Protein backbone atom coordinates (compact mmCIF):
# COMPACT_ATOMS: atom_id res chain seq x y z
CA THR A 1 419.88 179.38 208.10
CA LEU A 2 416.99 177.15 207.20
CA ALA A 3 414.38 179.60 208.52
CA GLU A 4 415.78 182.37 206.31
CA ARG A 5 415.43 180.16 203.25
CA THR A 6 411.98 178.88 204.09
CA ASN A 7 410.16 182.09 205.10
CA LEU A 8 410.81 183.81 201.77
CA ALA A 9 411.04 180.61 199.74
CA GLY A 10 407.40 180.94 198.61
CA VAL A 11 407.79 184.58 197.51
CA ARG A 12 408.15 184.85 193.74
CA HIS A 13 408.98 188.56 193.37
CA ILE A 14 410.14 191.26 195.77
CA LEU A 15 409.60 194.91 194.96
CA LEU A 16 411.13 197.82 196.92
CA VAL A 17 409.34 201.18 197.01
CA LEU A 18 411.88 203.97 197.62
CA SER A 19 412.32 207.73 197.48
CA GLY A 20 414.98 210.25 198.33
CA LYS A 21 412.68 212.21 200.63
CA GLY A 22 409.59 211.90 202.82
CA GLY A 23 406.00 212.75 202.02
CA VAL A 24 406.05 211.79 198.34
CA GLY A 25 403.56 208.93 198.61
CA LYS A 26 405.62 205.73 199.04
CA SER A 27 403.10 204.17 201.40
CA THR A 28 400.20 205.20 199.16
CA ILE A 29 401.95 203.69 196.10
CA SER A 30 402.75 200.50 198.06
CA THR A 31 399.15 200.16 199.23
CA GLU A 32 397.57 200.92 195.84
CA LEU A 33 400.00 198.58 194.08
CA ALA A 34 399.14 195.79 196.53
CA LEU A 35 395.41 196.35 196.01
CA ALA A 36 395.80 196.42 192.20
CA LEU A 37 397.84 193.20 192.22
CA ARG A 38 395.31 191.54 194.52
CA ASN A 39 392.49 192.63 192.21
CA ALA A 40 394.44 191.01 189.35
CA GLY A 41 394.32 187.71 191.26
CA LYS A 42 397.83 187.82 192.71
CA ARG A 43 398.80 186.84 196.25
CA VAL A 44 400.46 189.88 197.81
CA GLY A 45 402.36 190.81 200.93
CA ILE A 46 403.46 194.21 202.19
CA LEU A 47 406.49 194.58 204.43
CA ASP A 48 406.32 198.04 206.02
CA VAL A 49 409.88 198.87 207.12
CA ASP A 50 409.12 202.57 207.51
CA LEU A 51 409.92 202.33 211.21
CA CYS A 52 409.29 205.98 212.06
CA GLY A 53 406.01 206.35 210.19
CA PRO A 54 404.23 203.01 209.73
CA SER A 55 401.09 204.27 207.97
CA ILE A 56 400.06 201.21 205.96
CA PRO A 57 398.12 199.51 208.80
CA ARG A 58 395.93 202.63 209.02
CA MET A 59 395.57 202.88 205.22
CA LEU A 60 394.31 199.29 205.12
CA ARG A 61 392.15 199.79 208.26
CA VAL A 62 393.91 197.09 210.28
CA GLN A 63 395.75 199.33 212.75
CA ASP A 64 394.11 197.59 215.73
CA SER A 65 395.34 194.15 214.66
CA ALA A 66 398.12 192.22 216.36
CA VAL A 67 400.73 189.86 214.98
CA HIS A 68 401.08 186.40 216.47
CA GLN A 69 403.94 183.93 216.73
CA CYS A 70 404.02 180.56 215.01
CA ASP A 71 406.74 177.91 214.70
CA SER A 72 408.40 179.72 211.79
CA GLY A 73 408.18 183.26 213.21
CA TRP A 74 405.61 186.04 213.08
CA VAL A 75 402.30 185.51 211.31
CA PRO A 76 401.48 188.64 209.29
CA VAL A 77 398.09 190.35 209.53
CA PHE A 78 395.77 189.36 206.69
CA VAL A 79 393.78 192.22 205.19
CA GLY A 80 390.31 192.41 203.67
CA GLN A 81 387.36 190.07 203.55
CA ASP A 82 389.27 187.73 201.23
CA GLN A 83 392.38 187.91 203.46
CA ALA A 84 394.38 188.26 200.24
CA ILE A 85 396.99 190.78 201.43
CA ALA A 86 399.50 189.79 204.12
CA LEU A 87 400.93 192.76 206.04
CA MET A 88 403.79 193.09 208.50
CA SER A 89 404.53 196.46 210.07
CA ILE A 90 406.19 197.85 213.16
CA GLY A 91 402.86 199.58 213.70
CA PHE A 92 401.53 196.25 215.00
CA LEU A 93 404.31 196.05 217.60
CA LEU A 94 403.77 199.49 219.17
CA GLU A 95 401.50 199.92 222.18
CA ARG A 96 399.83 202.90 220.49
CA PRO A 97 399.89 203.29 216.70
CA ASP A 98 400.99 206.93 216.97
CA ASP A 99 404.00 206.18 219.22
CA ALA A 100 407.25 207.52 217.88
CA VAL A 101 410.06 205.05 217.31
CA VAL A 102 413.35 206.55 218.43
CA TRP A 103 415.98 203.90 217.86
CA ARG A 104 419.61 204.01 216.91
CA GLY A 105 420.85 202.31 213.75
CA PRO A 106 421.83 198.86 215.09
CA LYS A 107 418.43 198.26 216.67
CA LYS A 108 416.58 199.43 213.54
CA ASN A 109 418.80 197.29 211.33
CA ALA A 110 418.25 194.24 213.55
CA LEU A 111 414.47 194.71 213.35
CA ILE A 112 414.59 194.99 209.55
CA LYS A 113 416.63 191.78 209.37
CA GLN A 114 414.13 190.11 211.69
CA PHE A 115 411.23 191.31 209.51
CA VAL A 116 412.92 189.79 206.45
CA THR A 117 413.80 186.46 208.06
CA ASP A 118 411.15 185.87 210.76
CA VAL A 119 407.81 186.57 209.05
CA ALA A 120 405.92 183.49 207.82
CA TRP A 121 404.79 184.88 204.45
CA GLY A 122 403.70 181.61 202.88
CA ASP A 123 403.21 181.61 199.11
CA LEU A 124 403.13 185.09 197.57
CA ASP A 125 403.37 186.30 194.00
CA PHE A 126 404.66 189.71 195.18
CA LEU A 127 406.16 191.07 198.37
CA ILE A 128 406.11 194.89 198.33
CA VAL A 129 408.61 196.51 200.70
CA ASP A 130 407.65 200.04 201.79
CA THR A 131 410.89 201.72 202.87
CA PRO A 132 411.54 204.79 205.04
CA PRO A 133 412.18 208.16 203.41
CA GLY A 134 415.67 209.15 202.35
CA THR A 135 418.77 207.09 201.73
CA SER A 136 419.48 205.82 205.22
CA ASP A 137 421.15 202.85 206.78
CA GLU A 138 417.79 201.07 206.79
CA HIS A 139 417.83 200.88 202.99
CA ILE A 140 421.23 199.23 202.99
CA SER A 141 420.09 196.79 205.69
CA THR A 142 416.92 195.96 203.77
CA VAL A 143 418.72 195.36 200.47
CA GLU A 144 421.46 193.31 202.14
CA ALA A 145 418.90 191.18 203.98
CA LEU A 146 416.98 190.61 200.74
CA ARG A 147 420.04 190.05 198.54
CA PRO A 148 419.87 186.20 198.67
CA TYR A 149 416.30 186.26 197.32
CA GLN A 150 414.72 186.90 193.94
CA LEU A 151 414.51 190.68 193.92
CA LEU A 152 412.25 191.90 191.14
CA GLY A 153 413.23 195.52 191.37
CA ALA A 154 412.42 198.91 192.78
CA ILE A 155 409.92 201.68 192.24
CA LEU A 156 411.40 205.11 192.85
CA VAL A 157 408.73 207.62 193.89
CA THR A 158 409.60 211.19 192.95
CA THR A 159 407.87 214.55 192.89
CA PRO A 160 407.80 216.91 189.89
CA GLN A 161 409.20 220.04 191.58
């Protein structure tokens, strides 16, 4: 649809951050990478599709923010004094940030698709996608939803043990 083409049309590169297990630092890598790119003068967005543990809003100290609707979908939360990082996370849609999300696959997959198509990102140099741990259905949904767009690549976070 037109909305799908327009909401990611201004995004030059998409980068997935993945791992085979939890607790290895995907969200930390995603956050630090976004901050480093911003400090290099790039326009950056983070899409936090870690539905069960959306920690990036807290890492960027915007956990009390709310997302708003506009004509082309959700407006992400803009982070920092310079508002240079756009962030979308399920953490903004929960009544309490620590609420657990217990959803079956179809509902999670629909939300991921909605995050990909219905967020008004504007012009970004990089969109960093922080994925859930493991190799679940959500990864397949995310990659399939992003397939029509310019995917730069993936960062695989591993541990040395």
